[in-house]
Amino acid sequence: MEEIKNIVERLIKKTGISQEMIIEQIHDNWSRIAGGRLCSKTEPFKFNEGKLFIYADNSTVKSELGYMAKEIIKKANEAAAADLVKELVIRIKG
């Protein structure tokens, strides 16, 4: 039996579920994805072609997100219910 994750991924690709819907799912779950401390200092703002774009308040937070990239990608994919996020692009807000 095919995993639900694979079905959802195929459906997203086939039906063209919008990038906005994916970022909305991630944004709604951001406190769980980034954790309480980083949640207030970061914000996911865009998803495009496997890249999740995140604003960080400063370079220290940007570095910390970089160290946590694999974990954040994993949790973001769980929130989106599909293995769509492949890379983080972190920008300093300003």
N, C-alpha and C. Protein backbone atom coordinates (compact mmCIF):
# COMPACT_ATOMS: atom_id res chain seq x y z
N MET A 1 0.84 -1.18 0.00
CA MET A 1 0.00 0.00 0.00
C MET A 1 0.89 1.25 0.00
N GLU A 2 0.54 2.19 -0.83
CA GLU A 2 1.33 3.42 -0.96
C GLU A 2 1.16 4.31 0.27
N GLU A 3 2.26 4.89 0.72
CA GLU A 3 2.21 5.77 1.88
C GLU A 3 1.44 7.04 1.55
N ILE A 4 0.72 7.54 2.55
CA ILE A 4 -0.08 8.76 2.37
C ILE A 4 0.81 9.93 1.95
N LYS A 5 2.03 9.97 2.48
CA LYS A 5 2.96 11.04 2.14
C LYS A 5 3.21 11.07 0.63
N ASN A 6 3.43 9.92 0.03
CA ASN A 6 3.68 9.85 -1.41
C ASN A 6 2.45 10.26 -2.21
N ILE A 7 1.30 9.88 -1.73
CA ILE A 7 0.05 10.25 -2.41
C ILE A 7 -0.13 11.76 -2.37
N VAL A 8 0.10 12.35 -1.20
CA VAL A 8 -0.04 13.80 -1.06
C VAL A 8 0.95 14.53 -1.96
N GLU A 9 2.19 14.08 -2.00
CA GLU A 9 3.19 14.70 -2.86
C GLU A 9 2.77 14.66 -4.32
N ARG A 10 2.30 13.50 -4.75
CA ARG A 10 1.85 13.36 -6.13
C ARG A 10 0.66 14.27 -6.42
N LEU A 11 -0.26 14.33 -5.48
CA LEU A 11 -1.44 15.17 -5.63
C LEU A 11 -1.05 16.64 -5.73
N ILE A 12 -0.11 17.06 -4.90
CA ILE A 12 0.35 18.44 -4.93
C ILE A 12 0.96 18.77 -6.29
N LYS A 13 1.80 17.88 -6.78
CA LYS A 13 2.43 18.11 -8.08
C LYS A 13 1.41 18.10 -9.21
N LYS A 14 0.47 17.17 -9.13
CA LYS A 14 -0.51 17.01 -10.20
C LYS A 14 -1.54 18.14 -10.22
N THR A 15 -2.04 18.52 -9.05
CA THR A 15 -3.10 19.52 -8.99
C THR A 15 -2.58 20.93 -8.88
N GLY A 16 -1.28 21.07 -8.60
CA GLY A 16 -0.71 22.41 -8.49
C GLY A 16 -1.16 23.15 -7.25
N ILE A 17 -1.31 22.42 -6.15
CA ILE A 17 -1.64 23.10 -4.90
C ILE A 17 -0.64 24.22 -4.72
N SER A 18 -1.13 25.36 -4.38
CA SER A 18 -0.30 26.56 -4.40
C SER A 18 0.80 26.55 -3.36
N GLN A 19 1.85 27.24 -3.71
CA GLN A 19 2.97 27.44 -2.80
C GLN A 19 2.48 28.15 -1.54
N GLU A 20 1.47 29.02 -1.71
CA GLU A 20 0.92 29.77 -0.58
C GLU A 20 0.28 28.83 0.45
N MET A 21 -0.35 27.78 -0.01
CA MET A 21 -0.97 26.83 0.91
C MET A 21 0.10 26.10 1.72
N ILE A 22 1.21 25.79 1.08
CA ILE A 22 2.29 25.10 1.77
C ILE A 22 2.90 26.00 2.83
N ILE A 23 3.19 27.25 2.46
CA ILE A 23 3.79 28.17 3.44
C ILE A 23 2.80 28.46 4.56
N GLU A 24 1.53 28.48 4.26
CA GLU A 24 0.52 28.69 5.30
C GLU A 24 0.55 27.55 6.33
N GLN A 25 0.65 26.32 5.86
CA GLN A 25 0.74 25.16 6.76
C GLN A 25 1.98 25.26 7.64
N ILE A 26 3.09 25.64 7.03
CA ILE A 26 4.33 25.77 7.77
C ILE A 26 4.23 26.93 8.76
N HIS A 27 3.68 28.05 8.31
CA HIS A 27 3.54 29.22 9.17
C HIS A 27 2.65 28.90 10.37
N ASP A 28 1.55 28.21 10.13
CA ASP A 28 0.62 27.85 11.22
C ASP A 28 1.27 26.95 12.27
N ASN A 29 2.28 26.19 11.88
CA ASN A 29 2.96 25.26 12.78
C ASN A 29 4.36 25.72 13.16
N TRP A 30 4.67 26.97 12.90
CA TRP A 30 6.04 27.46 13.06
C TRP A 30 6.56 27.33 14.49
N SER A 31 5.74 27.55 15.48
CA SER A 31 6.23 27.47 16.87
C SER A 31 6.71 26.05 17.18
N ARG A 32 6.04 25.04 16.65
CA ARG A 32 6.46 23.66 16.84
C ARG A 32 7.70 23.34 16.00
N ILE A 33 7.77 23.90 14.82
CA ILE A 33 8.88 23.62 13.91
C ILE A 33 10.18 24.27 14.41
N ALA A 34 10.12 25.55 14.74
CA ALA A 34 11.33 26.29 15.13
C ALA A 34 11.61 26.20 16.63
N GLY A 35 10.59 25.94 17.40
CA GLY A 35 10.76 25.92 18.85
C GLY A 35 10.43 27.28 19.43
N GLY A 36 10.06 27.28 20.67
CA GLY A 36 9.59 28.50 21.33
C GLY A 36 10.54 29.67 21.29
N ARG A 37 11.81 29.42 21.54
CA ARG A 37 12.78 30.52 21.60
C ARG A 37 13.02 31.15 20.23
N LEU A 38 13.16 30.33 19.20
CA LEU A 38 13.42 30.86 17.86
C LEU A 38 12.17 31.35 17.15
N CYS A 39 11.04 30.86 17.56
CA CYS A 39 9.79 31.21 16.89
C CYS A 39 9.56 32.72 16.87
N SER A 40 9.83 33.37 17.96
CA SER A 40 9.59 34.82 18.04
C SER A 40 10.65 35.64 17.31
N LYS A 41 11.74 35.01 16.90
CA LYS A 41 12.84 35.72 16.24
C LYS A 41 12.97 35.37 14.77
N THR A 42 12.04 34.56 14.27
CA THR A 42 12.09 34.09 12.88
C THR A 42 10.69 34.08 12.28
N GLU A 43 10.64 34.02 10.96
CA GLU A 43 9.35 33.94 10.29
C GLU A 43 9.51 33.32 8.90
N PRO A 44 8.80 32.23 8.64
CA PRO A 44 8.80 31.70 7.27
C PRO A 44 7.95 32.62 6.41
N PHE A 45 8.45 32.99 5.24
CA PHE A 45 7.68 33.95 4.43
C PHE A 45 7.44 33.52 3.00
N LYS A 46 8.10 32.45 2.56
CA LYS A 46 7.93 32.04 1.16
C LYS A 46 8.38 30.60 1.00
N PHE A 47 7.70 29.89 0.10
CA PHE A 47 8.12 28.56 -0.30
C PHE A 47 8.09 28.52 -1.81
N ASN A 48 9.19 28.06 -2.42
CA ASN A 48 9.25 28.01 -3.87
C ASN A 48 10.26 26.95 -4.30
N GLU A 49 9.80 26.01 -5.12
CA GLU A 49 10.66 24.99 -5.72
C GLU A 49 11.55 24.29 -4.71
N GLY A 50 10.96 23.87 -3.61
CA GLY A 50 11.68 23.11 -2.61
C GLY A 50 12.45 23.95 -1.60
N LYS A 51 12.43 25.25 -1.76
CA LYS A 51 13.15 26.14 -0.86
C LYS A 51 12.18 26.85 0.07
N LEU A 52 12.47 26.76 1.38
CA LEU A 52 11.70 27.47 2.38
C LEU A 52 12.51 28.70 2.78
N PHE A 53 11.93 29.87 2.56
CA PHE A 53 12.59 31.14 2.87
C PHE A 53 12.15 31.60 4.25
N ILE A 54 13.13 31.96 5.07
CA ILE A 54 12.86 32.34 6.45
C ILE A 54 13.56 33.65 6.76
N TYR A 55 12.83 34.56 7.42
CA TYR A 55 13.44 35.77 7.95
C TYR A 55 13.97 35.48 9.34
N ALA A 56 15.17 35.98 9.64
CA ALA A 56 15.75 35.90 10.98
C ALA A 56 15.99 37.34 11.46
N ASP A 57 15.83 37.56 12.74
CA ASP A 57 16.00 38.91 13.30
C ASP A 57 17.43 39.43 13.19
N ASN A 58 18.42 38.54 13.29
CA ASN A 58 19.81 38.99 13.26
C ASN A 58 20.71 37.84 12.83
N SER A 59 22.00 38.14 12.71
CA SER A 59 22.94 37.13 12.21
C SER A 59 23.13 35.96 13.18
N THR A 60 22.98 36.20 14.47
CA THR A 60 23.09 35.11 15.44
C THR A 60 21.97 34.11 15.25
N VAL A 61 20.76 34.61 15.09
CA VAL A 61 19.59 33.75 14.87
C VAL A 61 19.73 33.04 13.53
N LYS A 62 20.24 33.75 12.53
CA LYS A 62 20.45 33.14 11.20
C LYS A 62 21.41 31.96 11.31
N SER A 63 22.50 32.13 12.07
CA SER A 63 23.46 31.04 12.25
C SER A 63 22.82 29.85 12.98
N GLU A 64 22.03 30.16 13.99
CA GLU A 64 21.39 29.09 14.75
C GLU A 64 20.42 28.30 13.86
N LEU A 65 19.67 29.00 13.03
CA LEU A 65 18.77 28.31 12.09
C LEU A 65 19.57 27.43 11.13
N GLY A 66 20.71 27.93 10.70
CA GLY A 66 21.56 27.16 9.80
C GLY A 66 22.01 25.85 10.43
N TYR A 67 22.36 25.90 11.71
CA TYR A 67 22.78 24.68 12.42
C TYR A 67 21.62 23.70 12.58
N MET A 68 20.41 24.23 12.65
CA MET A 68 19.23 23.39 12.87
C MET A 68 18.52 23.03 11.56
N ALA A 69 19.11 23.34 10.42
CA ALA A 69 18.44 23.21 9.13
C ALA A 69 17.81 21.84 8.90
N LYS A 70 18.54 20.77 9.15
CA LYS A 70 18.00 19.43 8.89
C LYS A 70 16.76 19.16 9.74
N GLU A 71 16.81 19.54 10.99
CA GLU A 71 15.67 19.33 11.88
C GLU A 71 14.48 20.19 11.47
N ILE A 72 14.73 21.43 11.08
CA ILE A 72 13.65 22.32 10.65
C ILE A 72 13.02 21.81 9.37
N ILE A 73 13.83 21.35 8.44
CA ILE A 73 13.31 20.79 7.18
C ILE A 73 12.42 19.59 7.48
N LYS A 74 12.88 18.72 8.35
CA LYS A 74 12.10 17.53 8.70
C LYS A 74 10.75 17.92 9.30
N LYS A 75 10.76 18.84 10.25
CA LYS A 75 9.51 19.25 10.90
C LYS A 75 8.60 20.03 9.95
N ALA A 76 9.18 20.82 9.06
CA ALA A 76 8.39 21.56 8.08
C ALA A 76 7.69 20.60 7.13
N ASN A 77 8.39 19.56 6.72
CA ASN A 77 7.78 18.54 5.85
C ASN A 77 6.67 17.80 6.57
N GLU A 78 6.84 17.55 7.85
CA GLU A 78 5.77 16.93 8.63
C GLU A 78 4.56 17.84 8.68
N ALA A 79 4.77 19.13 8.87
CA ALA A 79 3.67 20.09 8.92
C ALA A 79 2.95 20.19 7.58
N ALA A 80 3.70 20.09 6.49
CA ALA A 80 3.11 20.17 5.15
C ALA A 80 2.54 18.84 4.70
N ALA A 81 2.76 17.79 5.48
CA ALA A 81 2.30 16.44 5.17
C ALA A 81 2.85 15.92 3.84
N ALA A 82 4.04 16.39 3.50
CA ALA A 82 4.71 15.93 2.27
C ALA A 82 6.19 16.29 2.35
N ASP A 83 6.99 15.57 1.62
CA ASP A 83 8.43 15.79 1.61
C ASP A 83 8.77 16.82 0.55
N LEU A 84 8.40 18.08 0.80
CA LEU A 84 8.55 19.13 -0.21
C LEU A 84 9.72 20.06 0.05
N VAL A 85 10.00 20.35 1.32
CA VAL A 85 11.07 21.28 1.67
C VAL A 85 12.40 20.55 1.56
N LYS A 86 13.27 21.07 0.72
CA LYS A 86 14.58 20.47 0.50
C LYS A 86 15.71 21.35 1.03
N GLU A 87 15.44 22.63 1.16
CA GLU A 87 16.51 23.57 1.51
C GLU A 87 15.92 24.77 2.23
N LEU A 88 16.70 25.34 3.15
CA LEU A 88 16.32 26.60 3.82
C LEU A 88 17.14 27.73 3.23
N VAL A 89 16.47 28.85 3.01
CA VAL A 89 17.14 30.08 2.61
C VAL A 89 16.81 31.08 3.70
N ILE A 90 17.84 31.50 4.44
CA ILE A 90 17.63 32.34 5.61
C ILE A 90 18.14 33.74 5.30
N ARG A 91 17.27 34.71 5.52
CA ARG A 91 17.61 36.11 5.27
C ARG A 91 17.39 36.91 6.55
N ILE A 92 18.22 37.91 6.74
CA ILE A 92 18.04 38.77 7.90
C ILE A 92 16.97 39.80 7.57
N LYS A 93 16.01 39.90 8.47
CA LYS A 93 14.88 40.81 8.26
C LYS A 93 15.37 42.23 8.45
N GLY A 94 14.94 43.08 7.54
CA GLY A 94 15.37 44.45 7.72
C GLY A 94 15.13 45.29 6.58
